[in-house]
Amino acid sequence: MRKTLAPIALTLLASLLLAETPKLNIRTKNGFPREEERKQQMERLAKHYDLSKYTITRDIIIERGAMNHSSPVLTLNLRFLDNDDLALSAYVHEQGHWVMMERHRADGPRIFEDLHQTFPNLDYRMPSGDGELRSSYFHIAVGMLEWQAMEELAGPERARKVIEWKQRDHYTGVYAILLSHRDQVEAVLNRHDVKW
């Protein structure tokens, strides 16, 4: 039994040692002390978690007062300095947008139609959505990528708590769909091979 398990354990250990977050190019917009704190938080999280699978763009700006957004440069605000799980989820959420932009740009119309047909009654007005029909539906896909990443990084219980918290905070209709229709959302993503 030991002879069988030893090679498996060595292979697992080697893969853990080789996998690490790629070097992130994080800079602050203004050099404010709280921006520097958020930069340090992200650097610490990148050391603690293997974010290689969840890092599409390495260029990140920390900007006080900004809304988190993915493009043209992934930008994070200071909102979750006191909560690493929410800070990590913001990071993978914005990287999820890069998955959609980089890997599924051509599939976008079909993915939108599939999501719209599956969930025809999404209220896209804020705070239920982001204020725009198309991008609110794409937030369903991005939110699912976010949840899947958080499960792998922080475990199912902490990941669900993040999604539940967000459902009460913003994109309430989007996160409500994720929480109540996860299997259907994953089926849509699987049909279009949307994954990390």
C-alpha atoms as a PDB file:
ATOM      1  CA  MET A   1       0.000   0.000   0.000  1.00  0.00           C
ATOM      2  CA  ARG A   2       2.790   2.454   0.911  1.00  0.00           C
ATOM      3  CA  LYS A   3       4.590   1.682  -2.337  1.00  0.00           C
ATOM      4  CA  THR A   4       1.422   2.559  -4.249  1.00  0.00           C
ATOM      5  CA  LEU A   5       0.671   5.774  -2.366  1.00  0.00           C
ATOM      6  CA  ALA A   6       4.235   7.146  -2.339  1.00  0.00           C
ATOM      7  CA  PRO A   7       4.398   7.969  -6.083  1.00  0.00           C
ATOM      8  CA  ILE A   8       0.943   9.541  -5.938  1.00  0.00           C
ATOM      9  CA  ALA A   9       1.924  11.687  -2.954  1.00  0.00           C
ATOM     10  CA  LEU A  10       5.158  12.773  -4.664  1.00  0.00           C
ATOM     11  CA  THR A  11       3.316  13.704  -7.844  1.00  0.00           C
ATOM     12  CA  LEU A  12       0.759  15.727  -5.882  1.00  0.00           C
ATOM     13  CA  LEU A  13       3.479  17.494  -3.897  1.00  0.00           C
ATOM     14  CA  ALA A  14       5.434  18.302  -7.068  1.00  0.00           C
ATOM     15  CA  SER A  15       2.354  19.761  -8.752  1.00  0.00           C
ATOM     16  CA  LEU A  16       1.636  21.918  -5.705  1.00  0.00           C
ATOM     17  CA  LEU A  17       5.196  23.188  -5.608  1.00  0.00           C
ATOM     18  CA  LEU A  18       5.286  23.960  -9.332  1.00  0.00           C
ATOM     19  CA  ALA A  19       1.915  25.719  -9.456  1.00  0.00           C
ATOM     20  CA  GLU A  20       1.983  29.304  -8.309  1.00  0.00           C
ATOM     21  CA  THR A  21       0.407  32.589  -9.162  1.00  0.00           C
ATOM     22  CA  PRO A  22       2.190  34.314 -12.036  1.00  0.00           C
ATOM     23  CA  LYS A  23       3.889  37.599 -11.185  1.00  0.00           C
ATOM     24  CA  LEU A  24       1.179  40.243 -11.081  1.00  0.00           C
ATOM     25  CA  ASN A  25       1.889  43.750 -12.308  1.00  0.00           C
ATOM     26  CA  ILE A  26      -0.051  45.620  -9.614  1.00  0.00           C
ATOM     27  CA  ARG A  27       0.238  49.374  -9.404  1.00  0.00           C
ATOM     28  CA  THR A  28      -1.686  52.059  -7.613  1.00  0.00           C
ATOM     29  CA  LYS A  29      -3.386  54.869  -9.475  1.00  0.00           C
ATOM     30  CA  ASN A  30      -2.456  57.642  -7.031  1.00  0.00           C
ATOM     31  CA  GLY A  31      -0.076  56.090  -4.492  1.00  0.00           C
ATOM     32  CA  PHE A  32      -2.495  56.768  -1.627  1.00  0.00           C
ATOM     33  CA  PRO A  33      -1.769  54.763   1.563  1.00  0.00           C
ATOM     34  CA  ARG A  34      -5.057  52.811   1.331  1.00  0.00           C
ATOM     35  CA  GLU A  35      -4.320  51.977  -2.318  1.00  0.00           C
ATOM     36  CA  GLU A  36      -0.947  50.630  -1.170  1.00  0.00           C
ATOM     37  CA  GLU A  37      -2.757  48.540   1.477  1.00  0.00           C
ATOM     38  CA  ARG A  38      -5.007  47.026  -1.191  1.00  0.00           C
ATOM     39  CA  LYS A  39      -1.985  46.317  -3.370  1.00  0.00           C
ATOM     40  CA  GLN A  40      -0.324  44.546  -0.444  1.00  0.00           C
ATOM     41  CA  GLN A  41      -3.513  42.609   0.240  1.00  0.00           C
ATOM     42  CA  MET A  42      -3.629  41.372  -3.369  1.00  0.00           C
ATOM     43  CA  GLU A  43       0.075  40.453  -3.302  1.00  0.00           C
ATOM     44  CA  ARG A  44      -0.501  38.523  -0.070  1.00  0.00           C
ATOM     45  CA  LEU A  45      -3.525  36.711  -1.534  1.00  0.00           C
ATOM     46  CA  ALA A  46      -1.523  35.868  -4.667  1.00  0.00           C
ATOM     47  CA  LYS A  47       1.129  34.260  -2.458  1.00  0.00           C
ATOM     48  CA  HIS A  48      -1.390  32.383  -0.327  1.00  0.00           C
ATOM     49  CA  TYR A  49      -3.558  31.074  -3.199  1.00  0.00           C
ATOM     50  CA  ASP A  50      -2.466  29.603  -6.505  1.00  0.00           C
ATOM     51  CA  LEU A  51      -4.196  32.040  -8.848  1.00  0.00           C
ATOM     52  CA  SER A  52      -2.482  30.803 -12.017  1.00  0.00           C
ATOM     53  CA  LYS A  53      -5.697  29.225 -13.361  1.00  0.00           C
ATOM     54  CA  TYR A  54      -7.643  32.398 -12.570  1.00  0.00           C
ATOM     55  CA  THR A  55      -5.242  34.983 -13.943  1.00  0.00           C
ATOM     56  CA  ILE A  56      -5.851  35.966 -17.547  1.00  0.00           C
ATOM     57  CA  THR A  57      -4.446  39.485 -17.321  1.00  0.00           C
ATOM     58  CA  ARG A  58      -1.570  40.310 -14.981  1.00  0.00           C
ATOM     59  CA  ASP A  59      -1.951  44.086 -15.236  1.00  0.00           C
ATOM     60  CA  ILE A  60      -3.915  45.448 -12.282  1.00  0.00           C
ATOM     61  CA  ILE A  61      -4.557  48.982 -11.064  1.00  0.00           C
ATOM     62  CA  ILE A  62      -5.716  49.775  -7.536  1.00  0.00           C
ATOM     63  CA  GLU A  63      -7.763  52.975  -7.526  1.00  0.00           C
ATOM     64  CA  ARG A  64      -9.577  54.617  -4.639  1.00  0.00           C
ATOM     65  CA  GLY A  65     -13.114  55.581  -5.622  1.00  0.00           C
ATOM     66  CA  ALA A  66     -13.188  53.525  -8.821  1.00  0.00           C
ATOM     67  CA  MET A  67     -15.767  50.902  -9.606  1.00  0.00           C
ATOM     68  CA  ASN A  68     -14.167  47.484 -10.010  1.00  0.00           C
ATOM     69  CA  HIS A  69     -13.894  46.773 -13.728  1.00  0.00           C
ATOM     70  CA  SER A  70     -12.010  44.471 -16.042  1.00  0.00           C
ATOM     71  CA  SER A  71     -11.117  46.514 -19.091  1.00  0.00           C
ATOM     72  CA  PRO A  72      -9.082  48.050 -20.554  1.00  0.00           C
ATOM     73  CA  VAL A  73      -6.990  47.399 -17.403  1.00  0.00           C
ATOM     74  CA  LEU A  74      -8.335  45.311 -14.536  1.00  0.00           C
ATOM     75  CA  THR A  75      -9.063  47.859 -11.807  1.00  0.00           C
ATOM     76  CA  LEU A  76      -9.874  47.122  -8.172  1.00  0.00           C
ATOM     77  CA  ASN A  77     -11.115  49.587  -5.593  1.00  0.00           C
ATOM     78  CA  LEU A  78     -10.527  49.682  -1.826  1.00  0.00           C
ATOM     79  CA  ARG A  79     -13.865  48.265  -0.785  1.00  0.00           C
ATOM     80  CA  PHE A  80     -12.823  44.884   0.617  1.00  0.00           C
ATOM     81  CA  LEU A  81      -9.671  45.732   2.532  1.00  0.00           C
ATOM     82  CA  ASP A  82     -11.236  44.163   5.618  1.00  0.00           C
ATOM     83  CA  ASN A  83     -12.418  40.926   3.961  1.00  0.00           C
ATOM     84  CA  ASP A  84      -9.999  38.704   2.049  1.00  0.00           C
ATOM     85  CA  ASP A  85     -12.736  36.438   0.662  1.00  0.00           C
ATOM     86  CA  LEU A  86     -14.612  39.365  -0.878  1.00  0.00           C
ATOM     87  CA  ALA A  87     -11.340  40.873  -2.165  1.00  0.00           C
ATOM     88  CA  LEU A  88     -10.414  37.544  -3.747  1.00  0.00           C
ATOM     89  CA  SER A  89     -13.879  37.177  -5.275  1.00  0.00           C
ATOM     90  CA  ALA A  90     -13.618  40.671  -6.796  1.00  0.00           C
ATOM     91  CA  TYR A  91     -10.307  39.646  -8.379  1.00  0.00           C
ATOM     92  CA  VAL A  92     -11.641  36.391  -9.890  1.00  0.00           C
ATOM     93  CA  HIS A  93     -14.873  38.136 -10.947  1.00  0.00           C
ATOM     94  CA  GLU A  94     -12.946  40.690 -13.017  1.00  0.00           C
ATOM     95  CA  GLN A  95     -10.682  37.953 -14.378  1.00  0.00           C
ATOM     96  CA  GLY A  96     -13.882  36.092 -15.347  1.00  0.00           C
ATOM     97  CA  HIS A  97     -14.727  39.006 -17.626  1.00  0.00           C
ATOM     98  CA  TRP A  98     -11.340  38.445 -19.277  1.00  0.00           C
ATOM     99  CA  VAL A  99     -12.261  34.779 -19.824  1.00  0.00           C
ATOM    100  CA  MET A 100     -15.357  35.949 -21.689  1.00  0.00           C
ATOM    101  CA  MET A 101     -13.472  38.652 -23.653  1.00  0.00           C
ATOM    102  CA  GLU A 102     -10.411  36.579 -24.544  1.00  0.00           C
ATOM    103  CA  ARG A 103     -11.875  33.123 -25.071  1.00  0.00           C
ATOM    104  CA  HIS A 104     -15.526  33.658 -25.988  1.00  0.00           C
ATOM    105  CA  ARG A 105     -15.806  36.941 -27.856  1.00  0.00           C
ATOM    106  CA  ALA A 106     -17.018  35.191 -31.014  1.00  0.00           C
ATOM    107  CA  ASP A 107     -19.453  33.045 -29.002  1.00  0.00           C
ATOM    108  CA  GLY A 108     -20.902  36.081 -27.215  1.00  0.00           C
ATOM    109  CA  PRO A 109     -24.136  36.388 -29.223  1.00  0.00           C
ATOM    110  CA  ARG A 110     -24.953  32.683 -28.826  1.00  0.00           C
ATOM    111  CA  ILE A 111     -24.123  32.711 -25.099  1.00  0.00           C
ATOM    112  CA  PHE A 112     -26.276  35.799 -24.589  1.00  0.00           C
ATOM    113  CA  GLU A 113     -29.218  34.233 -26.451  1.00  0.00           C
ATOM    114  CA  ASP A 114     -28.918  30.996 -24.490  1.00  0.00           C
ATOM    115  CA  LEU A 115     -28.813  32.823 -21.145  1.00  0.00           C
ATOM    116  CA  HIS A 116     -31.672  35.137 -22.208  1.00  0.00           C
ATOM    117  CA  GLN A 117     -33.858  32.202 -23.258  1.00  0.00           C
ATOM    118  CA  THR A 118     -33.034  30.241 -20.106  1.00  0.00           C
ATOM    119  CA  PHE A 119     -33.667  33.220 -17.780  1.00  0.00           C
ATOM    120  CA  PRO A 120     -36.007  35.510 -19.759  1.00  0.00           C
ATOM    121  CA  ASN A 121     -37.147  37.653 -16.850  1.00  0.00           C
ATOM    122  CA  LEU A 122     -33.872  39.023 -15.479  1.00  0.00           C
ATOM    123  CA  ASP A 123     -34.400  42.594 -14.329  1.00  0.00           C
ATOM    124  CA  TYR A 124     -31.263  44.261 -15.647  1.00  0.00           C
ATOM    125  CA  ARG A 125     -31.869  47.588 -13.899  1.00  0.00           C
ATOM    126  CA  MET A 126     -29.574  48.353 -10.970  1.00  0.00           C
ATOM    127  CA  PRO A 127     -29.217  46.888  -8.370  1.00  0.00           C
ATOM    128  CA  SER A 128     -30.692  43.694  -9.872  1.00  0.00           C
ATOM    129  CA  GLY A 129     -28.364  43.915 -12.868  1.00  0.00           C
ATOM    130  CA  ASP A 130     -25.744  46.368 -14.041  1.00  0.00           C
ATOM    131  CA  GLY A 131     -28.162  48.617 -15.929  1.00  0.00           C
ATOM    132  CA  GLU A 132     -27.639  47.080 -19.379  1.00  0.00           C
ATOM    133  CA  LEU A 133     -29.461  44.043 -20.747  1.00  0.00           C
ATOM    134  CA  ARG A 134     -26.582  42.271 -22.505  1.00  0.00           C
ATOM    135  CA  SER A 135     -23.893  42.813 -19.892  1.00  0.00           C
ATOM    136  CA  SER A 136     -26.281  41.856 -17.066  1.00  0.00           C
ATOM    137  CA  TYR A 137     -26.787  38.492 -18.756  1.00  0.00           C
ATOM    138  CA  PHE A 138     -23.033  38.114 -19.206  1.00  0.00           C
ATOM    139  CA  HIS A 139     -22.716  38.767 -15.470  1.00  0.00           C
ATOM    140  CA  ILE A 140     -24.562  35.482 -14.944  1.00  0.00           C
ATOM    141  CA  ALA A 141     -21.709  33.677 -16.715  1.00  0.00           C
ATOM    142  CA  VAL A 142     -19.029  35.745 -14.958  1.00  0.00           C
ATOM    143  CA  GLY A 143     -20.699  35.226 -11.587  1.00  0.00           C
ATOM    144  CA  MET A 144     -20.706  31.464 -12.143  1.00  0.00           C
ATOM    145  CA  LEU A 145     -17.011  31.530 -13.036  1.00  0.00           C
ATOM    146  CA  GLU A 146     -16.447  33.577  -9.877  1.00  0.00           C
ATOM    147  CA  TRP A 147     -18.329  31.062  -7.714  1.00  0.00           C
ATOM    148  CA  GLN A 148     -16.486  28.085  -9.225  1.00  0.00           C
ATOM    149  CA  ALA A 149     -13.119  29.780  -8.682  1.00  0.00           C
ATOM    150  CA  MET A 150     -13.960  30.685  -5.094  1.00  0.00           C
ATOM    151  CA  GLU A 151     -15.003  27.085  -4.401  1.00  0.00           C
ATOM    152  CA  GLU A 152     -11.652  25.812  -5.623  1.00  0.00           C
ATOM    153  CA  LEU A 153      -9.701  28.521  -3.800  1.00  0.00           C
ATOM    154  CA  ALA A 154     -11.577  28.929  -0.504  1.00  0.00           C
ATOM    155  CA  GLY A 155     -13.886  25.925  -0.324  1.00  0.00           C
ATOM    156  CA  PRO A 156     -17.628  25.528  -0.965  1.00  0.00           C
ATOM    157  CA  GLU A 157     -18.852  27.034   2.318  1.00  0.00           C
ATOM    158  CA  ARG A 158     -16.852  30.261   2.111  1.00  0.00           C
ATOM    159  CA  ALA A 159     -17.610  30.570  -1.615  1.00  0.00           C
ATOM    160  CA  ARG A 160     -21.349  30.292  -1.019  1.00  0.00           C
ATOM    161  CA  LYS A 161     -21.157  32.924   1.737  1.00  0.00           C
ATOM    162  CA  VAL A 162     -19.518  35.319  -0.731  1.00  0.00           C
ATOM    163  CA  ILE A 163     -22.225  34.744  -3.353  1.00  0.00           C
ATOM    164  CA  GLU A 164     -24.974  35.113  -0.738  1.00  0.00           C
ATOM    165  CA  TRP A 165     -23.416  38.357   0.514  1.00  0.00           C
ATOM    166  CA  LYS A 166     -23.179  39.734  -3.024  1.00  0.00           C
ATOM    167  CA  GLN A 167     -26.804  38.779  -3.720  1.00  0.00           C
ATOM    168  CA  ARG A 168     -27.808  41.203  -0.968  1.00  0.00           C
ATOM    169  CA  ASP A 169     -25.365  43.920  -2.073  1.00  0.00           C
ATOM    170  CA  HIS A 170     -25.271  44.317  -5.863  1.00  0.00           C
ATOM    171  CA  TYR A 171     -26.346  42.509  -9.025  1.00  0.00           C
ATOM    172  CA  THR A 172     -29.022  41.077  -6.757  1.00  0.00           C
ATOM    173  CA  GLY A 173     -31.002  39.469  -9.579  1.00  0.00           C
ATOM    174  CA  VAL A 174     -27.885  37.993 -11.170  1.00  0.00           C
ATOM    175  CA  TYR A 175     -26.663  36.410  -7.941  1.00  0.00           C
ATOM    176  CA  ALA A 176     -30.210  35.269  -7.092  1.00  0.00           C
ATOM    177  CA  ILE A 177     -30.260  33.315 -10.370  1.00  0.00           C
ATOM    178  CA  LEU A 178     -26.916  31.759  -9.505  1.00  0.00           C
ATOM    179  CA  LEU A 179     -28.111  30.723  -6.055  1.00  0.00           C
ATOM    180  CA  SER A 180     -31.459  29.309  -7.172  1.00  0.00           C
ATOM    181  CA  HIS A 181     -30.603  27.931 -10.638  1.00  0.00           C
ATOM    182  CA  ARG A 182     -26.949  26.944 -10.464  1.00  0.00           C
ATOM    183  CA  ASP A 183     -27.442  23.695 -12.416  1.00  0.00           C
ATOM    184  CA  GLN A 184     -29.164  25.535 -15.273  1.00  0.00           C
ATOM    185  CA  VAL A 185     -26.437  28.208 -15.396  1.00  0.00           C
ATOM    186  CA  GLU A 186     -23.714  25.566 -15.459  1.00  0.00           C
ATOM    187  CA  ALA A 187     -25.581  23.716 -18.224  1.00  0.00           C
ATOM    188  CA  VAL A 188     -25.564  26.884 -20.362  1.00  0.00           C
ATOM    189  CA  LEU A 189     -21.855  27.428 -19.725  1.00  0.00           C
ATOM    190  CA  ASN A 190     -21.096  23.791 -20.519  1.00  0.00           C
ATOM    191  CA  ARG A 191     -22.968  24.045 -23.839  1.00  0.00           C
ATOM    192  CA  HIS A 192     -20.581  26.843 -24.847  1.00  0.00           C
ATOM    193  CA  ASP A 193     -17.481  25.381 -23.170  1.00  0.00           C
ATOM    194  CA  VAL A 194     -17.156  28.401 -20.865  1.00  0.00           C
ATOM    195  CA  LYS A 195     -14.669  27.496 -18.147  1.00  0.00           C
ATOM    196  CA  TRP A 196     -11.482  28.661 -16.505  1.00  0.00           C
END
